Amino acid sequence: MAIGRRRPDPTPEPGHGSGISIGGNNIAPLQNVVGQNISRVYQAASADGTTDVDAVRALLIAFREDLDRNAAVLQHAEALRAMAGTVDGSLTAPAESTSTLRGIAQALPALVLGTVVQQSGEALAHAVSGLLS
């Protein structure tokens, strides 16, 4: 029979009680995501901070699918479609369309903020920014 004090339970780490915790090295191409009810998660990353045209095209396809699926509830669906079309057309010569693509990358997050296409729109904007760097 052991006599003594019982070891206290370790206290949980801050930020890991509920919800979503995203951890890992933000510079690396991979991150760990732990949480509940995670759906439609889009992430594009590259170790050197640049993105290739194929990655942007893949995110553009996902963004357009989100737009088509949720067009009825989006206030700026036509403007978002036009931006997607401009990005698509600019991918053949991104160096010649730098200012246009940069403007879209800056405006897109504000237009999708709080909408059902926020994740795919922000991922596309981030990828376009990476393409320009």
C-alpha atoms as a PDB file:
ATOM      1  CA  MET A   1       0.000   0.000   0.000  1.00  0.00           C
ATOM      2  CA  ALA A   2       1.455   3.312  -1.008  1.00  0.00           C
ATOM      3  CA  ILE A   3       1.032   6.305   1.191  1.00  0.00           C
ATOM      4  CA  GLY A   4       1.573   9.762  -0.154  1.00  0.00           C
ATOM      5  CA  ARG A   5       0.106  12.469  -2.199  1.00  0.00           C
ATOM      6  CA  ARG A   6      -1.687  11.725  -5.394  1.00  0.00           C
ATOM      7  CA  ARG A   7      -0.119  13.314  -8.468  1.00  0.00           C
ATOM      8  CA  PRO A   8      -2.362  16.041  -9.807  1.00  0.00           C
ATOM      9  CA  ASP A   9      -3.797  15.576 -13.255  1.00  0.00           C
ATOM     10  CA  PRO A  10      -1.911  17.520 -15.865  1.00  0.00           C
ATOM     11  CA  THR A  11      -3.705  20.689 -16.839  1.00  0.00           C
ATOM     12  CA  PRO A  12      -4.818  20.857 -20.436  1.00  0.00           C
ATOM     13  CA  GLU A  13      -2.816  23.015 -22.768  1.00  0.00           C
ATOM     14  CA  PRO A  14      -4.362  26.414 -23.500  1.00  0.00           C
ATOM     15  CA  GLY A  15      -6.357  26.529 -26.694  1.00  0.00           C
ATOM     16  CA  HIS A  16      -7.059  22.808 -26.868  1.00  0.00           C
ATOM     17  CA  GLY A  17     -10.368  22.697 -24.974  1.00  0.00           C
ATOM     18  CA  SER A  18     -12.844  22.954 -27.830  1.00  0.00           C
ATOM     19  CA  GLY A  19     -13.251  24.289 -31.291  1.00  0.00           C
ATOM     20  CA  ILE A  20     -10.508  24.175 -33.874  1.00  0.00           C
ATOM     21  CA  SER A  21      -6.803  24.335 -33.252  1.00  0.00           C
ATOM     22  CA  ILE A  22      -4.478  24.808 -36.185  1.00  0.00           C
ATOM     23  CA  GLY A  23      -0.875  24.172 -35.370  1.00  0.00           C
ATOM     24  CA  GLY A  24       2.384  23.455 -37.012  1.00  0.00           C
ATOM     25  CA  ASN A  25       4.991  25.484 -38.733  1.00  0.00           C
ATOM     26  CA  ASN A  26       3.245  28.172 -40.751  1.00  0.00           C
ATOM     27  CA  ILE A  27       6.141  28.301 -43.202  1.00  0.00           C
ATOM     28  CA  ALA A  28       6.088  24.607 -44.032  1.00  0.00           C
ATOM     29  CA  PRO A  29       3.721  23.158 -46.628  1.00  0.00           C
ATOM     30  CA  LEU A  30       1.868  21.035 -44.033  1.00  0.00           C
ATOM     31  CA  GLN A  31      -0.198  21.965 -40.989  1.00  0.00           C
ATOM     32  CA  ASN A  32      -2.048  19.887 -38.412  1.00  0.00           C
ATOM     33  CA  VAL A  33      -5.743  20.599 -38.033  1.00  0.00           C
ATOM     34  CA  VAL A  34      -7.610  19.261 -35.016  1.00  0.00           C
ATOM     35  CA  GLY A  35     -11.248  20.049 -34.382  1.00  0.00           C
ATOM     36  CA  GLN A  36     -14.861  19.209 -34.918  1.00  0.00           C
ATOM     37  CA  ASN A  37     -17.024  19.520 -38.003  1.00  0.00           C
ATOM     38  CA  ILE A  38     -14.296  20.528 -40.401  1.00  0.00           C
ATOM     39  CA  SER A  39     -15.550  20.599 -43.972  1.00  0.00           C
ATOM     40  CA  ARG A  40     -14.491  22.144 -47.246  1.00  0.00           C
ATOM     41  CA  VAL A  41     -10.981  22.954 -46.050  1.00  0.00           C
ATOM     42  CA  TYR A  42      -8.749  24.340 -48.764  1.00  0.00           C
ATOM     43  CA  GLN A  43      -5.095  25.022 -48.275  1.00  0.00           C
ATOM     44  CA  ALA A  44      -2.352  25.886 -50.641  1.00  0.00           C
ATOM     45  CA  ALA A  45       1.189  26.269 -49.455  1.00  0.00           C
ATOM     46  CA  SER A  46       4.666  26.105 -50.769  1.00  0.00           C
ATOM     47  CA  ALA A  47       7.909  25.998 -48.842  1.00  0.00           C
ATOM     48  CA  ASP A  48       9.444  28.844 -50.801  1.00  0.00           C
ATOM     49  CA  GLY A  49       6.389  31.137 -50.744  1.00  0.00           C
ATOM     50  CA  THR A  50       5.495  30.818 -54.423  1.00  0.00           C
ATOM     51  CA  THR A  51       2.623  28.967 -56.062  1.00  0.00           C
ATOM     52  CA  ASP A  52       2.528  27.388 -59.481  1.00  0.00           C
ATOM     53  CA  VAL A  53      -0.181  27.895 -62.106  1.00  0.00           C
ATOM     54  CA  ASP A  54      -1.530  24.348 -61.679  1.00  0.00           C
ATOM     55  CA  ALA A  55      -2.203  24.932 -57.968  1.00  0.00           C
ATOM     56  CA  VAL A  56      -4.063  28.154 -58.781  1.00  0.00           C
ATOM     57  CA  ARG A  57      -6.108  26.355 -61.450  1.00  0.00           C
ATOM     58  CA  ALA A  58      -7.069  23.613 -58.968  1.00  0.00           C
ATOM     59  CA  LEU A  59      -8.208  26.200 -56.427  1.00  0.00           C
ATOM     60  CA  LEU A  60     -10.024  28.110 -59.156  1.00  0.00           C
ATOM     61  CA  ILE A  61     -11.994  24.966 -60.030  1.00  0.00           C
ATOM     62  CA  ALA A  62     -12.898  24.436 -56.352  1.00  0.00           C
ATOM     63  CA  PHE A  63     -13.926  28.098 -56.002  1.00  0.00           C
ATOM     64  CA  ARG A  64     -16.147  27.935 -59.086  1.00  0.00           C
ATOM     65  CA  GLU A  65     -17.781  24.752 -57.788  1.00  0.00           C
ATOM     66  CA  ASP A  66     -18.492  26.531 -54.493  1.00  0.00           C
ATOM     67  CA  LEU A  67     -19.942  29.480 -56.403  1.00  0.00           C
ATOM     68  CA  ASP A  68     -22.206  27.256 -58.482  1.00  0.00           C
ATOM     69  CA  ARG A  69     -23.384  25.315 -55.434  1.00  0.00           C
ATOM     70  CA  ASN A  70     -24.133  28.441 -53.374  1.00  0.00           C
ATOM     71  CA  ALA A  71     -25.060  31.091 -55.962  1.00  0.00           C
ATOM     72  CA  ALA A  72     -28.582  31.473 -54.578  1.00  0.00           C
ATOM     73  CA  VAL A  73     -27.342  32.742 -51.210  1.00  0.00           C
ATOM     74  CA  LEU A  74     -24.449  34.896 -52.409  1.00  0.00           C
ATOM     75  CA  GLN A  75     -24.939  38.630 -52.739  1.00  0.00           C
ATOM     76  CA  HIS A  76     -22.024  39.172 -55.166  1.00  0.00           C
ATOM     77  CA  ALA A  77     -22.134  35.900 -57.122  1.00  0.00           C
ATOM     78  CA  GLU A  78     -21.773  37.559 -60.538  1.00  0.00           C
ATOM     79  CA  ALA A  79     -18.839  39.718 -59.430  1.00  0.00           C
ATOM     80  CA  LEU A  80     -17.138  36.651 -57.961  1.00  0.00           C
ATOM     81  CA  ARG A  81     -17.707  34.734 -61.203  1.00  0.00           C
ATOM     82  CA  ALA A  82     -16.226  37.634 -63.172  1.00  0.00           C
ATOM     83  CA  MET A  83     -13.164  37.658 -60.911  1.00  0.00           C
ATOM     84  CA  ALA A  84     -12.749  33.907 -61.372  1.00  0.00           C
ATOM     85  CA  GLY A  85     -12.982  34.385 -65.135  1.00  0.00           C
ATOM     86  CA  THR A  86     -10.367  37.135 -65.049  1.00  0.00           C
ATOM     87  CA  VAL A  87      -8.005  34.962 -63.006  1.00  0.00           C
ATOM     88  CA  ASP A  88      -8.553  32.079 -65.419  1.00  0.00           C
ATOM     89  CA  GLY A  89      -7.797  34.262 -68.427  1.00  0.00           C
ATOM     90  CA  SER A  90      -4.732  35.757 -66.756  1.00  0.00           C
ATOM     91  CA  LEU A  91      -3.143  32.392 -65.987  1.00  0.00           C
ATOM     92  CA  THR A  92      -1.856  32.061 -69.541  1.00  0.00           C
ATOM     93  CA  ALA A  93       0.381  35.111 -69.046  1.00  0.00           C
ATOM     94  CA  PRO A  94       0.453  36.033 -65.321  1.00  0.00           C
ATOM     95  CA  ALA A  95       3.474  38.323 -65.754  1.00  0.00           C
ATOM     96  CA  GLU A  96       1.525  40.540 -68.164  1.00  0.00           C
ATOM     97  CA  SER A  97      -1.530  40.643 -65.845  1.00  0.00           C
ATOM     98  CA  THR A  98       0.292  41.342 -62.588  1.00  0.00           C
ATOM     99  CA  SER A  99      -1.665  44.436 -61.571  1.00  0.00           C
ATOM    100  CA  THR A 100      -5.025  42.845 -62.385  1.00  0.00           C
ATOM    101  CA  LEU A 101      -4.198  39.667 -60.478  1.00  0.00           C
ATOM    102  CA  ARG A 102      -2.837  41.652 -57.538  1.00  0.00           C
ATOM    103  CA  GLY A 103      -6.073  43.662 -57.387  1.00  0.00           C
ATOM    104  CA  ILE A 104      -8.152  40.481 -57.391  1.00  0.00           C
ATOM    105  CA  ALA A 105      -5.983  38.906 -54.697  1.00  0.00           C
ATOM    106  CA  GLN A 106      -6.551  41.990 -52.519  1.00  0.00           C
ATOM    107  CA  ALA A 107     -10.291  42.403 -53.179  1.00  0.00           C
ATOM    108  CA  LEU A 108     -11.427  38.780 -53.122  1.00  0.00           C
ATOM    109  CA  PRO A 109     -11.042  38.129 -49.369  1.00  0.00           C
ATOM    110  CA  ALA A 110     -13.241  41.128 -48.538  1.00  0.00           C
ATOM    111  CA  LEU A 111     -15.965  40.006 -50.969  1.00  0.00           C
ATOM    112  CA  VAL A 112     -16.116  36.458 -49.599  1.00  0.00           C
ATOM    113  CA  LEU A 113     -15.792  37.389 -45.915  1.00  0.00           C
ATOM    114  CA  GLY A 114     -18.575  35.778 -43.905  1.00  0.00           C
ATOM    115  CA  THR A 115     -20.005  33.867 -46.880  1.00  0.00           C
ATOM    116  CA  VAL A 116     -20.226  30.161 -47.608  1.00  0.00           C
ATOM    117  CA  VAL A 117     -17.406  30.525 -50.151  1.00  0.00           C
ATOM    118  CA  GLN A 118     -15.015  32.252 -47.748  1.00  0.00           C
ATOM    119  CA  GLN A 119     -12.583  29.346 -47.434  1.00  0.00           C
ATOM    120  CA  SER A 120     -12.247  28.648 -51.136  1.00  0.00           C
ATOM    121  CA  GLY A 121     -12.152  32.361 -51.999  1.00  0.00           C
ATOM    122  CA  GLU A 122      -9.419  33.118 -49.481  1.00  0.00           C
ATOM    123  CA  ALA A 123      -7.443  30.079 -50.628  1.00  0.00           C
ATOM    124  CA  LEU A 124      -7.679  31.283 -54.228  1.00  0.00           C
ATOM    125  CA  ALA A 125      -6.620  34.813 -53.260  1.00  0.00           C
ATOM    126  CA  HIS A 126      -3.662  33.447 -51.307  1.00  0.00           C
ATOM    127  CA  ALA A 127      -2.615  31.247 -54.226  1.00  0.00           C
ATOM    128  CA  VAL A 128      -2.837  34.153 -56.672  1.00  0.00           C
ATOM    129  CA  SER A 129      -0.665  36.231 -54.330  1.00  0.00           C
ATOM    130  CA  GLY A 130       1.819  33.355 -54.181  1.00  0.00           C
ATOM    131  CA  LEU A 131       1.841  33.156 -57.957  1.00  0.00           C
ATOM    132  CA  LEU A 132       2.842  36.807 -58.147  1.00  0.00           C
ATOM    133  CA  SER A 133       5.693  36.527 -55.650  1.00  0.00           C
END
